[in-house]
């Protein structure tokens, strides 16, 4: 998977999770809630489909199962991660930055993951600056080491917009950020994400340095 497409899937996992209504205005928190994100190439062709289901909840966290499929519907991998209520919003465990396919690739090797959480507050408003986030992963492949560093900087709310996807029409806040992936070489780009209250992320677009779309994604199913 190309680094740009990989980053899209990584952060789709982060931003489409259901979190407790008690701690977040933007996400549902009911066991059995399911939703689907479809990712597209820069030419608009389906690249991957990820299905999510909330399998367990508590007063302060939610466990989410994800299933990643290719464009032909073949299951590539399954994963599971936990998200926490924190500081009048949600805090995403740094491991949720990784898509299930990456864990599947390195399941036989020792991995060390560190970084800072992604924060989505309840009181989003246009002009608000949001905290940066990072992820650092080291893989020991029997004497051969591999490192991947991901950073999200300059996160901010830049506007409001109504967005229509196959899952419906939603009133959204738009969050933009700069992304950098270092895995042998540096790759820098920008992204925009559209968030709706009670639903989560409904759309994302990734751009290269010239401002051209390199990949995109949208909410294609949502069910409680």
N, C-alpha and C. Protein backbone atom coordinates (compact mmCIF):
# COMPACT_ATOMS: atom_id res chain seq x y z
N UNK A 1 0.85 -1.20 0.00
CA UNK A 1 0.00 0.00 0.00
C UNK A 1 0.88 1.25 0.00
N UNK A 2 0.59 2.24 -0.87
CA UNK A 2 1.38 3.45 -0.94
C UNK A 2 1.24 4.23 0.36
N UNK A 3 2.31 4.98 0.78
CA UNK A 3 2.25 5.73 2.03
C UNK A 3 1.07 6.68 2.12
N UNK A 4 0.73 7.36 1.01
CA UNK A 4 -0.39 8.30 1.06
C UNK A 4 -1.70 7.59 1.33
N UNK A 5 -1.95 6.48 0.61
CA UNK A 5 -3.19 5.73 0.82
C UNK A 5 -3.19 5.12 2.22
N UNK A 6 -2.01 4.66 2.66
CA UNK A 6 -1.91 4.05 3.98
C UNK A 6 -2.29 5.07 5.05
N UNK A 7 -1.81 6.32 4.89
CA UNK A 7 -2.14 7.35 5.88
C UNK A 7 -3.62 7.63 5.91
N UNK A 8 -4.25 7.63 4.74
CA UNK A 8 -5.69 7.85 4.70
C UNK A 8 -6.42 6.81 5.53
N UNK A 9 -6.08 5.53 5.33
CA UNK A 9 -6.75 4.47 6.08
C UNK A 9 -6.44 4.57 7.56
N UNK A 10 -5.19 4.95 7.91
CA UNK A 10 -4.82 5.08 9.31
C UNK A 10 -5.73 6.04 10.03
N UNK A 11 -5.94 7.21 9.44
CA UNK A 11 -6.68 8.23 10.14
C UNK A 11 -8.18 8.11 9.98
N UNK A 12 -8.60 7.34 8.98
CA UNK A 12 -10.02 7.02 8.91
C UNK A 12 -10.40 6.21 10.13
N UNK A 13 -9.55 5.29 10.49
CA UNK A 13 -9.83 4.46 11.66
C UNK A 13 -9.97 5.33 12.89
N UNK A 14 -9.08 6.35 12.99
CA UNK A 14 -9.12 7.21 14.16
C UNK A 14 -10.41 7.99 14.24
N UNK A 15 -10.82 8.61 13.13
CA UNK A 15 -11.84 9.64 13.19
C UNK A 15 -13.25 9.16 12.93
N UNK A 16 -13.47 7.87 12.76
CA UNK A 16 -14.82 7.40 12.50
C UNK A 16 -15.33 6.50 13.61
N UNK A 17 -14.76 6.63 14.82
CA UNK A 17 -15.14 5.78 15.92
C UNK A 17 -16.36 6.33 16.66
N UNK A 18 -17.19 5.48 17.21
CA UNK A 18 -18.29 5.91 18.03
C UNK A 18 -17.86 6.07 19.48
N UNK A 19 -18.15 7.22 20.07
CA UNK A 19 -17.78 7.48 21.45
C UNK A 19 -19.01 7.94 22.22
N UNK A 20 -18.99 7.76 23.52
CA UNK A 20 -20.16 7.97 24.37
C UNK A 20 -20.79 9.34 24.22
N UNK A 21 -22.12 9.35 24.12
CA UNK A 21 -22.83 10.62 24.10
C UNK A 21 -22.55 11.39 25.38
N UNK A 22 -22.31 10.68 26.49
CA UNK A 22 -22.03 11.34 27.75
C UNK A 22 -20.74 12.14 27.69
N UNK A 23 -19.79 11.74 26.85
CA UNK A 23 -18.50 12.43 26.82
C UNK A 23 -18.22 13.08 25.47
N UNK A 24 -19.02 12.85 24.46
CA UNK A 24 -18.78 13.45 23.16
C UNK A 24 -20.08 13.81 22.48
N UNK A 25 -20.12 15.03 21.94
CA UNK A 25 -21.28 15.46 21.17
C UNK A 25 -21.24 14.91 19.74
N UNK A 26 -20.08 14.47 19.30
CA UNK A 26 -19.90 14.14 17.89
C UNK A 26 -20.06 12.68 17.55
N UNK A 27 -20.08 11.79 18.57
CA UNK A 27 -20.11 10.37 18.25
C UNK A 27 -21.16 9.62 19.04
N UNK A 28 -21.82 8.64 18.41
CA UNK A 28 -22.78 7.78 19.13
C UNK A 28 -22.02 6.81 20.02
N UNK A 29 -22.71 6.26 20.99
CA UNK A 29 -22.08 5.31 21.91
C UNK A 29 -23.09 4.24 22.28
N UNK A 30 -23.32 3.33 21.37
CA UNK A 30 -24.27 2.24 21.58
C UNK A 30 -23.67 0.96 21.03
N UNK A 31 -23.65 -0.07 21.84
CA UNK A 31 -23.15 -1.36 21.36
C UNK A 31 -23.99 -1.80 20.15
N UNK A 32 -23.32 -2.28 19.14
CA UNK A 32 -24.00 -2.70 17.92
C UNK A 32 -24.03 -1.64 16.84
N UNK A 33 -23.72 -0.38 17.18
CA UNK A 33 -23.65 0.66 16.16
C UNK A 33 -22.58 0.28 15.14
N UNK A 34 -22.91 0.40 13.86
CA UNK A 34 -21.95 0.05 12.82
C UNK A 34 -21.90 1.14 11.77
N UNK A 35 -20.77 1.26 11.13
CA UNK A 35 -20.61 2.24 10.06
C UNK A 35 -19.52 1.77 9.12
N UNK A 36 -19.50 2.35 7.94
CA UNK A 36 -18.57 1.91 6.90
C UNK A 36 -17.94 3.12 6.22
N UNK A 37 -16.63 3.02 6.02
CA UNK A 37 -15.90 4.05 5.30
C UNK A 37 -15.31 3.43 4.02
N UNK A 38 -15.58 4.06 2.89
CA UNK A 38 -15.01 3.62 1.63
C UNK A 38 -13.92 4.59 1.20
N UNK A 39 -12.74 4.05 0.89
CA UNK A 39 -11.60 4.87 0.47
C UNK A 39 -11.43 4.78 -1.05
N UNK A 40 -11.01 5.91 -1.64
CA UNK A 40 -10.88 5.99 -3.09
C UNK A 40 -9.48 6.45 -3.48
N UNK A 41 -9.02 6.03 -4.65
CA UNK A 41 -7.75 6.49 -5.20
C UNK A 41 -7.92 7.91 -5.74
N UNK A 42 -6.81 8.48 -6.18
CA UNK A 42 -6.90 9.85 -6.72
C UNK A 42 -7.74 9.92 -7.99
N UNK A 43 -7.95 8.76 -8.64
CA UNK A 43 -8.79 8.71 -9.84
C UNK A 43 -10.25 8.40 -9.51
N UNK A 44 -10.55 8.27 -8.21
CA UNK A 44 -11.92 8.03 -7.81
C UNK A 44 -12.35 6.58 -7.78
N UNK A 45 -11.41 5.67 -7.95
CA UNK A 45 -11.74 4.24 -7.91
C UNK A 45 -11.67 3.73 -6.47
N UNK A 46 -12.55 2.79 -6.13
CA UNK A 46 -12.56 2.22 -4.79
C UNK A 46 -11.24 1.52 -4.51
N UNK A 47 -10.59 1.89 -3.39
CA UNK A 47 -9.31 1.30 -3.01
C UNK A 47 -9.47 0.32 -1.86
N UNK A 48 -10.37 0.63 -0.92
CA UNK A 48 -10.57 -0.23 0.25
C UNK A 48 -11.88 0.15 0.92
N UNK A 49 -12.43 -0.81 1.67
CA UNK A 49 -13.65 -0.58 2.45
C UNK A 49 -13.39 -1.08 3.86
N UNK A 50 -13.68 -0.24 4.85
CA UNK A 50 -13.49 -0.64 6.24
C UNK A 50 -14.82 -0.57 6.98
N UNK A 51 -15.21 -1.69 7.58
CA UNK A 51 -16.44 -1.76 8.37
C UNK A 51 -16.07 -1.71 9.85
N UNK A 52 -16.83 -0.92 10.63
CA UNK A 52 -16.60 -0.76 12.06
C UNK A 52 -17.84 -1.15 12.84
N UNK A 53 -17.65 -1.77 13.99
CA UNK A 53 -18.76 -2.09 14.88
C UNK A 53 -18.32 -1.85 16.32
N UNK A 54 -19.16 -1.16 17.08
CA UNK A 54 -18.89 -0.97 18.51
C UNK A 54 -19.32 -2.24 19.22
N UNK A 55 -18.37 -2.93 19.82
CA UNK A 55 -18.65 -4.24 20.42
C UNK A 55 -18.81 -4.20 21.93
N UNK A 56 -18.29 -3.16 22.57
CA UNK A 56 -18.36 -3.08 24.03
C UNK A 56 -18.20 -1.64 24.47
N UNK A 57 -18.98 -1.24 25.48
CA UNK A 57 -18.88 0.12 25.98
C UNK A 57 -18.86 0.13 27.50
N UNK A 58 -18.32 1.24 28.05
CA UNK A 58 -18.38 1.49 29.48
C UNK A 58 -18.64 2.97 29.65
N UNK A 59 -18.60 3.46 30.87
CA UNK A 59 -18.86 4.88 31.10
C UNK A 59 -17.76 5.76 30.54
N UNK A 60 -16.59 5.18 30.28
CA UNK A 60 -15.46 6.02 29.86
C UNK A 60 -14.71 5.50 28.64
N UNK A 61 -15.21 4.45 27.99
CA UNK A 61 -14.47 3.93 26.83
C UNK A 61 -15.38 3.13 25.90
N UNK A 62 -14.88 2.89 24.71
CA UNK A 62 -15.59 2.06 23.73
C UNK A 62 -14.59 1.18 23.01
N UNK A 63 -14.97 -0.08 22.80
CA UNK A 63 -14.15 -1.01 22.04
C UNK A 63 -14.73 -1.14 20.64
N UNK A 64 -13.89 -0.98 19.64
CA UNK A 64 -14.34 -0.96 18.26
C UNK A 64 -13.62 -2.04 17.46
N UNK A 65 -14.40 -2.84 16.75
CA UNK A 65 -13.83 -3.84 15.85
C UNK A 65 -13.86 -3.30 14.43
N UNK A 66 -12.78 -3.52 13.69
CA UNK A 66 -12.71 -3.06 12.30
C UNK A 66 -12.35 -4.22 11.38
N UNK A 67 -12.94 -4.21 10.20
CA UNK A 67 -12.65 -5.22 9.19
C UNK A 67 -12.30 -4.51 7.88
N UNK A 68 -11.09 -4.73 7.40
CA UNK A 68 -10.60 -4.09 6.19
C UNK A 68 -10.74 -5.03 5.01
N UNK A 69 -11.36 -4.52 3.92
CA UNK A 69 -11.56 -5.32 2.71
C UNK A 69 -10.97 -4.59 1.51
N UNK A 70 -10.58 -5.34 0.50
CA UNK A 70 -10.09 -4.71 -0.72
C UNK A 70 -11.26 -4.34 -1.62
N UNK A 71 -10.96 -3.83 -2.82
CA UNK A 71 -12.02 -3.36 -3.71
C UNK A 71 -12.89 -4.49 -4.25
N UNK A 72 -12.46 -5.73 -4.08
CA UNK A 72 -13.25 -6.88 -4.53
C UNK A 72 -14.04 -7.53 -3.38
N UNK A 73 -13.93 -6.94 -2.19
CA UNK A 73 -14.67 -7.46 -1.05
C UNK A 73 -13.94 -8.53 -0.26
N UNK A 74 -12.70 -8.82 -0.61
CA UNK A 74 -11.94 -9.83 0.11
C UNK A 74 -11.41 -9.25 1.42
N UNK A 75 -11.62 -9.97 2.53
CA UNK A 75 -11.17 -9.50 3.83
C UNK A 75 -9.65 -9.57 3.89
N UNK A 76 -9.02 -8.43 4.19
CA UNK A 76 -7.57 -8.37 4.31
C UNK A 76 -7.13 -8.59 5.75
N UNK A 77 -7.87 -8.02 6.69
CA UNK A 77 -7.49 -8.17 8.10
C UNK A 77 -8.60 -7.65 9.00
N UNK A 78 -8.54 -8.08 10.26
CA UNK A 78 -9.45 -7.60 11.30
C UNK A 78 -8.62 -6.96 12.41
N UNK A 79 -9.21 -6.02 13.11
CA UNK A 79 -8.52 -5.38 14.22
C UNK A 79 -9.49 -4.95 15.30
N UNK A 80 -8.95 -4.49 16.41
CA UNK A 80 -9.77 -4.03 17.53
C UNK A 80 -8.97 -3.01 18.33
N UNK A 81 -9.62 -1.96 18.79
CA UNK A 81 -8.94 -0.96 19.59
C UNK A 81 -9.93 -0.28 20.52
N UNK A 82 -9.40 0.47 21.50
CA UNK A 82 -10.22 1.12 22.52
C UNK A 82 -10.05 2.63 22.44
N UNK A 83 -11.14 3.36 22.61
CA UNK A 83 -11.13 4.82 22.61
C UNK A 83 -11.67 5.33 23.94
N UNK A 84 -11.12 6.44 24.43
CA UNK A 84 -11.43 6.90 25.78
C UNK A 84 -12.09 8.28 25.79
N UNK A 85 -12.98 8.48 26.75
CA UNK A 85 -13.55 9.79 27.03
C UNK A 85 -12.53 10.57 27.87
N UNK A 86 -12.26 11.82 27.51
CA UNK A 86 -11.26 12.58 28.23
C UNK A 86 -11.42 14.07 27.97
N UNK A 87 -11.37 14.86 29.05
CA UNK A 87 -11.34 16.31 28.95
C UNK A 87 -12.42 16.88 28.03
N UNK A 88 -13.69 16.55 28.33
CA UNK A 88 -14.81 17.09 27.58
C UNK A 88 -14.70 16.78 26.08
N UNK A 89 -14.36 15.54 25.79
CA UNK A 89 -14.25 15.12 24.40
C UNK A 89 -13.75 13.70 24.34
N UNK A 90 -13.03 13.37 23.27
CA UNK A 90 -12.50 12.02 23.13
C UNK A 90 -10.99 12.06 22.92
N UNK A 91 -10.35 11.02 23.42
CA UNK A 91 -8.91 10.84 23.27
C UNK A 91 -8.67 9.47 22.64
N UNK A 92 -7.98 9.44 21.51
CA UNK A 92 -7.77 8.20 20.78
C UNK A 92 -6.43 7.58 21.17
N UNK A 93 -6.46 6.32 21.61
CA UNK A 93 -5.24 5.59 21.90
C UNK A 93 -4.33 5.62 20.68
N UNK A 94 -3.04 5.83 20.91
CA UNK A 94 -2.12 5.97 19.79
C UNK A 94 -2.13 4.75 18.87
N UNK A 95 -2.45 3.56 19.39
CA UNK A 95 -2.48 2.36 18.55
C UNK A 95 -3.60 2.43 17.52
N UNK A 96 -4.60 3.26 17.77
CA UNK A 96 -5.68 3.38 16.80
C UNK A 96 -5.22 4.13 15.55
N UNK A 97 -4.02 4.70 15.57
CA UNK A 97 -3.46 5.30 14.37
C UNK A 97 -3.10 4.26 13.31
N UNK A 98 -2.94 3.01 13.75
CA UNK A 98 -2.54 1.96 12.82
C UNK A 98 -3.75 1.22 12.28
N UNK A 99 -3.77 0.98 10.98
CA UNK A 99 -4.87 0.20 10.43
C UNK A 99 -4.61 -1.29 10.67
N UNK A 100 -5.65 -2.13 10.66
CA UNK A 100 -5.49 -3.55 10.94
C UNK A 100 -4.52 -4.25 10.02
N UNK A 101 -4.41 -3.81 8.77
CA UNK A 101 -3.52 -4.46 7.82
C UNK A 101 -2.06 -4.34 8.25
N UNK A 102 -1.69 -3.19 8.84
CA UNK A 102 -0.32 -3.03 9.31
C UNK A 102 -0.02 -3.99 10.45
N UNK A 103 -0.95 -4.12 11.40
CA UNK A 103 -0.75 -5.07 12.48
C UNK A 103 -0.62 -6.49 11.94
N UNK A 104 -1.40 -6.81 10.91
CA UNK A 104 -1.36 -8.14 10.34
C UNK A 104 0.00 -8.41 9.70
N UNK A 105 0.57 -7.39 9.05
CA UNK A 105 1.87 -7.54 8.40
C UNK A 105 2.98 -7.81 9.41
N UNK A 106 2.86 -7.22 10.60
CA UNK A 106 3.94 -7.31 11.58
C UNK A 106 3.57 -8.17 12.79
N UNK A 107 2.54 -9.02 12.66
CA UNK A 107 2.06 -9.78 13.80
C UNK A 107 3.09 -10.78 14.33
N UNK A 108 4.04 -11.20 13.49
CA UNK A 108 5.05 -12.16 13.91
C UNK A 108 6.32 -11.51 14.43
N UNK A 109 6.32 -10.18 14.51
CA UNK A 109 7.51 -9.46 14.94
C UNK A 109 7.21 -8.61 16.19
N UNK A 110 8.25 -8.27 16.89
CA UNK A 110 8.11 -7.42 18.06
C UNK A 110 7.95 -5.97 17.63
N UNK A 111 6.89 -5.31 18.11
CA UNK A 111 6.65 -3.91 17.77
C UNK A 111 6.60 -3.05 19.02
N UNK A 112 7.10 -1.85 18.91
CA UNK A 112 7.09 -0.89 20.01
C UNK A 112 6.43 0.39 19.51
N UNK A 113 5.31 0.75 20.11
CA UNK A 113 4.52 1.90 19.64
C UNK A 113 4.42 2.95 20.74
N UNK A 114 4.65 4.19 20.37
CA UNK A 114 4.53 5.30 21.31
C UNK A 114 4.00 6.52 20.56
N UNK A 115 3.70 7.59 21.31
CA UNK A 115 3.23 8.81 20.68
C UNK A 115 2.25 9.56 21.54
N UNK A 116 1.53 10.49 20.95
CA UNK A 116 0.54 11.29 21.66
C UNK A 116 -0.84 11.05 21.06
N UNK A 117 -1.87 11.17 21.88
CA UNK A 117 -3.24 10.87 21.45
C UNK A 117 -3.81 11.94 20.52
N UNK A 118 -4.80 11.52 19.75
CA UNK A 118 -5.62 12.44 18.96
C UNK A 118 -6.75 12.94 19.86
N UNK A 119 -6.97 14.24 19.88
CA UNK A 119 -8.02 14.83 20.71
C UNK A 119 -9.09 15.48 19.83
N UNK A 120 -10.36 15.13 20.08
CA UNK A 120 -11.49 15.78 19.43
C UNK A 120 -12.41 16.32 20.53
N UNK A 121 -12.40 17.63 20.79
CA UNK A 121 -13.23 18.20 21.85
C UNK A 121 -14.68 18.34 21.43
N UNK A 122 -15.56 18.50 22.42
CA UNK A 122 -16.99 18.67 22.13
C UNK A 122 -17.30 20.05 21.55
N UNK A 123 -16.53 21.05 21.96
CA UNK A 123 -16.88 22.43 21.62
C UNK A 123 -16.15 22.93 20.37
N UNK A 124 -16.16 22.12 19.31
CA UNK A 124 -15.54 22.57 18.06
C UNK A 124 -16.19 23.86 17.58
N UNK A 125 -15.36 24.78 17.11
CA UNK A 125 -15.87 26.03 16.55
C UNK A 125 -14.88 26.52 15.51
N UNK A 126 -15.36 27.26 14.53
CA UNK A 126 -14.51 27.74 13.45
C UNK A 126 -13.42 28.63 14.02
N UNK A 127 -12.19 28.37 13.61
CA UNK A 127 -11.03 29.12 14.10
C UNK A 127 -10.29 28.43 15.23
N UNK A 128 -10.87 27.38 15.81
CA UNK A 128 -10.24 26.69 16.94
C UNK A 128 -9.00 25.93 16.48
N UNK A 129 -7.92 26.04 17.27
CA UNK A 129 -6.71 25.26 17.04
C UNK A 129 -6.77 24.00 17.91
N UNK A 130 -6.36 22.87 17.36
CA UNK A 130 -6.41 21.58 18.05
C UNK A 130 -4.99 21.07 18.29
N UNK A 131 -4.79 20.23 19.31
CA UNK A 131 -3.44 19.73 19.62
C UNK A 131 -2.88 18.87 18.49
N UNK A 132 -1.55 18.93 18.34
CA UNK A 132 -0.86 18.05 17.40
C UNK A 132 -0.94 16.60 17.90
N UNK A 133 -0.62 15.66 17.04
CA UNK A 133 -0.59 14.25 17.43
C UNK A 133 0.56 13.56 16.71
N UNK A 134 1.14 12.54 17.36
CA UNK A 134 2.26 11.82 16.76
C UNK A 134 2.13 10.32 17.01
N UNK A 135 2.77 9.54 16.16
CA UNK A 135 2.88 8.11 16.38
C UNK A 135 4.26 7.66 15.91
N UNK A 136 4.91 6.85 16.74
CA UNK A 136 6.22 6.31 16.40
C UNK A 136 6.16 4.79 16.58
N UNK A 137 6.51 4.05 15.52
CA UNK A 137 6.49 2.60 15.59
C UNK A 137 7.84 2.04 15.18
N UNK A 138 8.36 1.14 16.02
CA UNK A 138 9.60 0.43 15.70
C UNK A 138 9.30 -1.05 15.62
N UNK A 139 9.77 -1.71 14.56
CA UNK A 139 9.52 -3.14 14.34
C UNK A 139 10.86 -3.87 14.31
N UNK A 140 11.00 -4.89 15.15
CA UNK A 140 12.20 -5.73 15.17
C UNK A 140 11.89 -6.99 14.38
N UNK A 141 12.47 -7.10 13.17
CA UNK A 141 12.21 -8.23 12.29
C UNK A 141 13.39 -9.21 12.31
N UNK A 142 13.74 -9.65 13.52
CA UNK A 142 14.82 -10.62 13.66
C UNK A 142 16.17 -10.08 13.25
N UNK A 143 16.54 -8.94 13.78
CA UNK A 143 17.84 -8.34 13.46
C UNK A 143 17.75 -7.19 12.49
N UNK A 144 16.64 -7.07 11.80
CA UNK A 144 16.40 -5.95 10.90
C UNK A 144 15.34 -5.04 11.52
N UNK A 145 15.69 -3.77 11.68
CA UNK A 145 14.77 -2.83 12.32
C UNK A 145 14.13 -1.92 11.28
N UNK A 146 12.85 -1.63 11.49
CA UNK A 146 12.13 -0.70 10.64
C UNK A 146 11.42 0.31 11.52
N UNK A 147 11.45 1.57 11.13
CA UNK A 147 10.78 2.61 11.90
C UNK A 147 9.82 3.39 11.01
N UNK A 148 8.71 3.78 11.60
CA UNK A 148 7.76 4.65 10.92
C UNK A 148 7.31 5.72 11.90
N UNK A 149 7.44 6.98 11.51
CA UNK A 149 7.02 8.11 12.33
C UNK A 149 5.94 8.89 11.59
N UNK A 150 4.84 9.16 12.27
CA UNK A 150 3.73 9.91 11.68
C UNK A 150 3.43 11.11 12.58
N UNK A 151 3.24 12.26 11.99
CA UNK A 151 2.87 13.44 12.78
C UNK A 151 1.75 14.21 12.10
N UNK A 152 0.84 14.73 12.91
CA UNK A 152 -0.23 15.61 12.45
C UNK A 152 -0.02 16.96 13.13
N UNK A 153 0.17 18.00 12.35
CA UNK A 153 0.42 19.32 12.91
C UNK A 153 -0.53 20.35 12.30
N UNK A 154 -0.54 21.53 12.93
CA UNK A 154 -1.38 22.63 12.44
C UNK A 154 -2.84 22.21 12.29
N UNK A 155 -3.35 21.44 13.25
CA UNK A 155 -4.75 21.02 13.23
C UNK A 155 -5.65 22.19 13.62
N UNK A 156 -6.67 22.47 12.83
CA UNK A 156 -7.56 23.58 13.14
C UNK A 156 -8.90 23.40 12.45
N UNK A 157 -9.93 24.05 13.01
CA UNK A 157 -11.27 24.03 12.44
C UNK A 157 -11.38 25.21 11.49
N UNK A 158 -11.62 24.93 10.20
CA UNK A 158 -11.55 25.99 9.19
C UNK A 158 -12.90 26.38 8.61
N UNK A 159 -13.98 25.67 8.98
CA UNK A 159 -15.27 26.06 8.43
C UNK A 159 -16.39 25.09 8.75
N UNK A 160 -17.58 25.38 8.22
CA UNK A 160 -18.74 24.52 8.34
C UNK A 160 -19.33 24.30 6.95
N UNK A 161 -19.90 23.11 6.72
CA UNK A 161 -20.43 22.80 5.39
C UNK A 161 -21.38 21.62 5.46
N UNK A 162 -22.39 21.63 4.63
CA UNK A 162 -23.28 20.48 4.50
C UNK A 162 -22.70 19.52 3.47
N UNK A 163 -22.62 18.22 3.86
CA UNK A 163 -21.99 17.22 3.00
C UNK A 163 -22.97 16.07 2.77
N UNK A 164 -23.07 15.62 1.51
CA UNK A 164 -23.92 14.48 1.17
C UNK A 164 -23.05 13.31 0.73
N UNK A 165 -23.28 12.15 1.34
CA UNK A 165 -22.60 10.90 0.98
C UNK A 165 -23.67 9.82 0.80
N UNK A 166 -23.31 8.60 0.39
CA UNK A 166 -24.30 7.53 0.30
C UNK A 166 -25.01 7.23 1.60
N UNK A 167 -24.45 7.67 2.73
CA UNK A 167 -25.06 7.43 4.04
C UNK A 167 -26.06 8.52 4.43
N UNK A 168 -26.12 9.64 3.66
CA UNK A 168 -27.05 10.71 3.98
C UNK A 168 -26.43 12.08 3.83
N UNK A 169 -27.15 13.10 4.30
CA UNK A 169 -26.68 14.49 4.25
C UNK A 169 -26.43 14.96 5.68
N UNK A 170 -25.27 15.60 5.90
CA UNK A 170 -24.85 15.94 7.26
C UNK A 170 -24.30 17.36 7.31
N UNK A 171 -24.61 18.07 8.40
CA UNK A 171 -24.02 19.37 8.67
C UNK A 171 -22.70 19.14 9.41
N UNK A 172 -21.60 19.65 8.85
CA UNK A 172 -20.27 19.27 9.33
C UNK A 172 -19.39 20.46 9.69
N UNK A 173 -18.46 20.21 10.61
CA UNK A 173 -17.31 21.07 10.84
C UNK A 173 -16.16 20.51 10.01
N UNK A 174 -15.31 21.40 9.47
CA UNK A 174 -14.17 20.96 8.67
C UNK A 174 -12.88 21.17 9.46
N UNK A 175 -12.11 20.11 9.61
CA UNK A 175 -10.81 20.18 10.29
C UNK A 175 -9.72 19.93 9.25
N UNK A 176 -8.71 20.79 9.25
CA UNK A 176 -7.56 20.60 8.36
C UNK A 176 -6.31 20.34 9.18
N UNK A 177 -5.31 19.70 8.55
CA UNK A 177 -4.03 19.48 9.22
C UNK A 177 -2.94 19.19 8.19
N UNK A 178 -1.71 19.29 8.64
CA UNK A 178 -0.55 18.91 7.84
C UNK A 178 -0.05 17.56 8.34
N UNK A 179 0.23 16.65 7.42
CA UNK A 179 0.70 15.32 7.79
C UNK A 179 2.11 15.08 7.28
N UNK A 180 2.87 14.34 8.08
CA UNK A 180 4.21 13.96 7.66
C UNK A 180 4.45 12.50 8.02
N UNK A 181 4.85 11.70 7.04
CA UNK A 181 5.19 10.30 7.27
C UNK A 181 6.67 10.12 6.96
N UNK A 182 7.39 9.55 7.91
CA UNK A 182 8.79 9.24 7.71
C UNK A 182 8.97 7.73 7.82
N UNK A 183 9.25 7.09 6.70
CA UNK A 183 9.48 5.65 6.67
C UNK A 183 10.49 5.39 5.56
N UNK A 184 11.75 5.68 5.87
CA UNK A 184 12.80 5.62 4.87
C UNK A 184 12.97 6.94 4.15
N UNK A 185 11.88 7.62 3.90
CA UNK A 185 11.90 8.94 3.28
C UNK A 185 10.73 9.75 3.84
N UNK A 186 10.81 11.06 3.73
CA UNK A 186 9.75 11.92 4.23
C UNK A 186 8.70 12.16 3.16
N UNK A 187 7.44 12.14 3.59
CA UNK A 187 6.34 12.46 2.69
C UNK A 187 5.40 13.39 3.43
N UNK A 188 5.23 14.61 2.91
CA UNK A 188 4.42 15.63 3.56
C UNK A 188 3.21 15.98 2.71
N UNK A 189 2.07 16.18 3.34
CA UNK A 189 0.87 16.57 2.63
C UNK A 189 -0.09 17.26 3.59
N UNK A 190 -1.28 17.54 3.11
CA UNK A 190 -2.32 18.14 3.94
C UNK A 190 -3.60 17.34 3.79
N UNK A 191 -4.55 17.58 4.67
CA UNK A 191 -5.82 16.86 4.61
C UNK A 191 -6.93 17.71 5.19
N UNK A 192 -8.16 17.40 4.78
CA UNK A 192 -9.36 17.98 5.37
C UNK A 192 -10.29 16.84 5.77
N UNK A 193 -10.96 17.03 6.90
CA UNK A 193 -11.92 16.04 7.38
C UNK A 193 -13.21 16.76 7.78
N UNK A 194 -14.35 16.15 7.44
CA UNK A 194 -15.66 16.72 7.73
C UNK A 194 -16.32 15.88 8.83
N UNK A 195 -16.70 16.52 9.95
CA UNK A 195 -17.29 15.84 11.10
C UNK A 195 -18.71 16.31 11.35
N UNK A 196 -19.61 15.35 11.61
CA UNK A 196 -21.01 15.67 11.92
C UNK A 196 -21.33 15.23 13.33
N UNK A 197 -22.11 16.02 14.06
CA UNK A 197 -22.50 15.65 15.41
C UNK A 197 -23.35 14.39 15.40
N UNK A 198 -23.08 13.51 16.34
CA UNK A 198 -23.82 12.28 16.47
C UNK A 198 -23.44 11.19 15.48
N UNK A 199 -22.50 11.49 14.58
CA UNK A 199 -22.12 10.53 13.54
C UNK A 199 -20.61 10.29 13.53
N UNK A 200 -19.83 11.37 13.53
CA UNK A 200 -18.37 11.26 13.42
C UNK A 200 -17.90 11.79 12.09
N UNK A 201 -16.84 11.22 11.55
CA UNK A 201 -16.31 11.69 10.29
C UNK A 201 -17.13 11.16 9.12
N UNK A 202 -17.48 12.05 8.20
CA UNK A 202 -18.28 11.63 7.04
C UNK A 202 -17.52 11.79 5.72
N UNK A 203 -16.38 12.49 5.77
CA UNK A 203 -15.63 12.69 4.53
C UNK A 203 -14.20 13.07 4.86
N UNK A 204 -13.27 12.70 3.97
CA UNK A 204 -11.87 13.12 4.09
C UNK A 204 -11.26 13.26 2.71
N UNK A 205 -10.40 14.26 2.56
CA UNK A 205 -9.62 14.42 1.34
C UNK A 205 -8.16 14.66 1.72
N UNK A 206 -7.24 13.98 1.02
CA UNK A 206 -5.81 14.14 1.22
C UNK A 206 -5.20 14.81 0.00
N UNK A 207 -4.23 15.72 0.25
CA UNK A 207 -3.66 16.51 -0.83
C UNK A 207 -2.13 16.43 -0.80
N UNK A 208 -1.51 16.55 -1.98
CA UNK A 208 -0.06 16.63 -2.03
C UNK A 208 0.39 18.08 -1.87
N UNK A 209 1.69 18.32 -2.02
CA UNK A 209 2.23 19.67 -1.82
C UNK A 209 1.67 20.68 -2.81
N UNK A 210 1.20 20.20 -3.96
CA UNK A 210 0.65 21.10 -4.97
C UNK A 210 -0.84 21.34 -4.79
N UNK A 211 -1.41 20.71 -3.76
CA UNK A 211 -2.83 20.90 -3.48
C UNK A 211 -3.75 20.00 -4.26
N UNK A 212 -3.19 19.01 -4.96
CA UNK A 212 -4.01 18.06 -5.72
C UNK A 212 -4.42 16.89 -4.84
N UNK A 213 -5.65 16.40 -5.04
CA UNK A 213 -6.16 15.29 -4.23
C UNK A 213 -5.40 14.01 -4.58
N UNK A 214 -4.87 13.34 -3.55
CA UNK A 214 -4.17 12.07 -3.75
C UNK A 214 -5.03 10.88 -3.36
N UNK A 215 -6.00 11.09 -2.49
CA UNK A 215 -6.93 10.04 -2.10
C UNK A 215 -8.09 10.70 -1.35
N UNK A 216 -9.18 9.97 -1.20
CA UNK A 216 -10.34 10.50 -0.50
C UNK A 216 -11.12 9.35 0.12
N UNK A 217 -12.10 9.71 0.94
CA UNK A 217 -12.93 8.68 1.58
C UNK A 217 -14.24 9.31 2.01
N UNK A 218 -15.25 8.46 2.23
CA UNK A 218 -16.54 8.95 2.68
C UNK A 218 -17.29 7.88 3.45
N UNK A 219 -18.22 8.36 4.27
CA UNK A 219 -19.10 7.45 5.01
C UNK A 219 -20.13 6.89 4.05
N UNK A 220 -20.15 5.55 3.89
CA UNK A 220 -21.07 4.94 2.95
C UNK A 220 -22.21 4.19 3.62
N UNK A 221 -22.06 3.87 4.92
CA UNK A 221 -23.13 3.24 5.69
C UNK A 221 -23.05 3.69 7.14
N UNK A 222 -24.23 3.78 7.78
CA UNK A 222 -24.28 4.10 9.21
C UNK A 222 -25.57 3.52 9.77
N UNK A 223 -25.44 2.72 10.83
CA UNK A 223 -26.63 2.08 11.39
C UNK A 223 -26.48 1.92 12.90
N UNK A 224 -27.58 2.21 13.64
CA UNK A 224 -27.60 2.03 15.09
C UNK A 224 -28.51 0.87 15.43
